[in-house]
Protein backbone atom coordinates (compact mmCIF):
# COMPACT_ATOMS: atom_id res chain seq x y z
CA MET A 1 0.00 0.00 0.00
CA PHE A 2 1.22 3.45 -0.91
CA ARG A 3 0.58 6.31 1.51
CA GLY A 4 1.51 9.95 1.85
CA ASN A 5 2.92 12.32 -0.74
CA LYS A 6 6.33 13.58 -1.81
CA SER A 7 7.45 16.45 -3.96
CA VAL A 8 9.41 15.21 -6.99
CA LYS A 9 11.29 16.90 -9.80
CA MET A 10 11.16 16.09 -13.47
CA ASP A 11 14.23 16.70 -15.59
CA GLY A 12 14.28 18.10 -19.13
CA LYS A 13 14.04 14.61 -20.62
CA GLY A 14 10.83 13.82 -18.74
CA ARG A 15 12.41 11.57 -16.12
CA VAL A 16 10.89 11.53 -12.64
CA SER A 17 12.87 10.28 -9.69
CA ILE A 18 10.83 7.96 -7.47
CA PRO A 19 11.39 8.76 -3.75
CA THR A 20 13.26 6.10 -1.82
CA HIS A 21 10.26 5.01 0.25
CA TYR A 22 8.10 4.34 -2.81
CA ARG A 23 11.06 2.98 -4.76
CA SER A 24 11.64 0.17 -2.27
CA GLN A 25 7.94 -0.73 -2.37
CA LEU A 26 7.95 -0.81 -6.19
CA LEU A 27 11.10 -2.91 -6.27
CA GLY A 28 9.49 -5.39 -3.86
CA ALA A 29 6.15 -5.51 -5.66
CA SER A 30 7.28 -5.55 -9.28
CA ASP A 31 11.08 -5.39 -9.58
CA GLY A 32 10.72 -1.68 -10.35
CA LYS A 33 8.35 -2.20 -13.29
CA VAL A 34 5.41 0.18 -13.35
CA VAL A 35 2.65 1.08 -15.77
CA VAL A 36 1.81 4.76 -16.07
CA ALA A 37 -1.71 5.51 -17.26
CA PRO A 38 -3.60 8.75 -17.73
CA ASN A 39 -6.30 9.24 -15.14
CA PHE A 40 -9.45 10.08 -17.11
CA ARG A 41 -11.28 11.63 -14.14
CA SER A 42 -8.48 13.94 -12.95
CA PRO A 43 -5.54 15.73 -14.55
CA CYS A 44 -2.96 13.35 -13.15
CA LEU A 45 -1.19 10.10 -13.98
CA ASP A 46 -1.72 6.77 -12.24
CA LEU A 47 1.37 4.67 -11.53
CA TYR A 48 0.64 0.99 -10.95
CA PRO A 49 3.09 -1.73 -9.96
CA LEU A 50 3.01 -4.12 -12.92
CA PRO A 51 1.04 -6.89 -11.10
CA GLU A 52 -1.69 -4.38 -10.12
CA TRP A 53 -1.90 -3.15 -13.72
CA GLU A 54 -2.21 -6.71 -15.00
CA ASP A 55 -5.29 -7.02 -12.77
CA VAL A 56 -6.73 -3.91 -14.46
CA GLU A 57 -6.08 -5.42 -17.89
CA THR A 58 -7.74 -8.68 -16.85
CA LYS A 59 -10.84 -6.82 -15.65
CA ILE A 60 -11.02 -4.89 -18.93
CA GLY A 61 -10.76 -8.22 -20.77
CA LEU A 62 -13.90 -9.46 -18.99
CA LEU A 63 -16.09 -6.59 -20.23
CA PRO A 64 -18.57 -6.96 -23.12
CA GLY A 65 -17.14 -6.75 -26.66
CA SER A 66 -17.52 -3.14 -27.81
CA GLN A 67 -16.83 -1.70 -24.35
CA GLN A 68 -13.80 -3.95 -24.00
CA SER A 69 -12.43 -2.85 -27.37
CA LYS A 70 -12.92 0.82 -26.58
CA LEU A 71 -11.28 0.57 -23.16
CA ARG A 72 -8.38 -1.48 -24.52
CA ARG A 73 -7.64 1.27 -27.05
CA VAL A 74 -8.21 4.26 -24.78
CA VAL A 75 -6.86 2.96 -21.46
CA ILE A 76 -4.32 0.27 -22.30
CA GLY A 77 -3.30 1.91 -25.57
CA ARG A 78 -2.46 5.21 -23.86
CA SER A 79 -0.55 3.60 -21.00
CA GLN A 80 3.18 3.18 -20.83
CA GLU A 81 5.22 0.43 -19.20
CA CYS A 82 8.28 1.82 -17.44
CA GLU A 83 11.18 0.31 -15.60
CA MET A 84 13.08 2.30 -13.01
CA ASP A 85 16.67 2.96 -14.03
CA SER A 86 19.62 2.48 -11.67
CA ASN A 87 18.92 5.94 -10.19
CA GLY A 88 15.26 5.14 -9.46
CA ARG A 89 13.88 7.27 -12.30
CA ILE A 90 11.14 6.55 -14.82
CA LEU A 91 10.86 8.21 -18.21
CA LEU A 92 7.44 9.63 -19.07
CA SER A 93 6.25 10.13 -22.63
CA GLN A 94 5.36 13.62 -23.78
CA GLU A 95 1.73 12.52 -24.21
CA LEU A 96 1.51 11.49 -20.55
CA ARG A 97 3.28 14.65 -19.33
CA ASP A 98 0.86 16.76 -21.35
CA HIS A 99 -2.16 14.93 -19.92
CA ALA A 100 -1.17 15.85 -16.36
CA LYS A 101 0.26 19.26 -17.34
CA LEU A 102 3.55 18.29 -15.68
CA ASP A 103 6.44 20.70 -15.62
CA LYS A 104 9.51 20.63 -13.39
CA VAL A 105 7.91 20.11 -9.96
CA ALA A 106 5.26 17.52 -9.27
CA VAL A 107 3.76 15.58 -6.37
CA LEU A 108 3.73 11.81 -6.13
CA ALA A 109 0.86 10.75 -3.87
CA GLY A 110 0.27 7.28 -2.47
CA VAL A 111 -3.43 6.47 -2.69
CA GLY A 112 -3.53 2.81 -1.72
CA PHE A 113 -2.64 0.25 -4.38
CA LYS A 114 -1.28 2.87 -6.80
CA LEU A 115 0.48 6.23 -6.91
CA GLU A 116 -0.81 9.41 -8.53
CA LEU A 117 1.50 11.94 -10.16
CA TRP A 118 0.16 15.51 -10.08
CA ASP A 119 1.36 18.93 -11.12
CA ASP A 120 2.23 20.54 -7.79
CA ALA A 121 -0.31 23.38 -8.10
CA ALA A 122 -3.09 20.99 -9.14
CA TRP A 123 -2.28 18.75 -6.15
CA VAL A 124 -2.70 21.69 -3.78
CA ASP A 125 -6.11 22.39 -5.30
CA VAL A 126 -7.45 18.83 -4.96
CA SER A 127 -5.91 17.76 -1.66
CA GLN A 128 -7.34 20.36 0.69
CA PRO A 129 -9.75 19.32 3.46
CA GLU A 130 -12.16 22.00 2.20
CA GLU A 131 -12.69 19.77 -0.86
CA LEU A 132 -14.55 17.23 1.31
CA SER A 133 -18.34 17.41 1.25
CA GLU A 134 -20.57 16.54 4.20
CA ASP A 135 -21.21 13.14 2.58
CA ASP A 136 -17.44 12.60 2.28
CA LEU A 137 -16.97 13.47 5.94
CA THR A 138 -19.77 11.10 6.97
CA GLN A 139 -18.15 8.28 5.01
CA LEU A 140 -14.78 9.14 6.51
CA GLN A 141 -16.25 9.02 9.99
CA ASP A 142 -17.60 5.53 9.30
CA VAL A 143 -14.21 4.16 8.23
CA TYR A 144 -11.64 6.34 9.96
CA PHE A 145 -12.79 7.33 13.42
């Protein structure tokens, strides 16, 4: 499980250094192999350890024909398999960087079984407690307190 968030920098080639804490988890879960996919509900990228991503692909494969085909093209076809280099960096395609509007500073947030990579300003906007509705707070009370 991935928890917390860390500020990360992206170099001019589009490489993002994975913080040590997350790096060790990714090495243990998938030998440093991750799949980076655009998040279609938010302007961020989802980073899955390879075994978690394979579960996503399996679930897509169980959907009805036309929906399965569409999701294979849009979700799997726009995803990128990455392997951390010896310095713990992954290289992101320009298409993925553009999706999340990533520049030099980003935030890598652990959200359970995956990580999310956000532009730092966008992360500030979506991660504030004020973003929680009364329904959200009620649900949180049921599971957290």
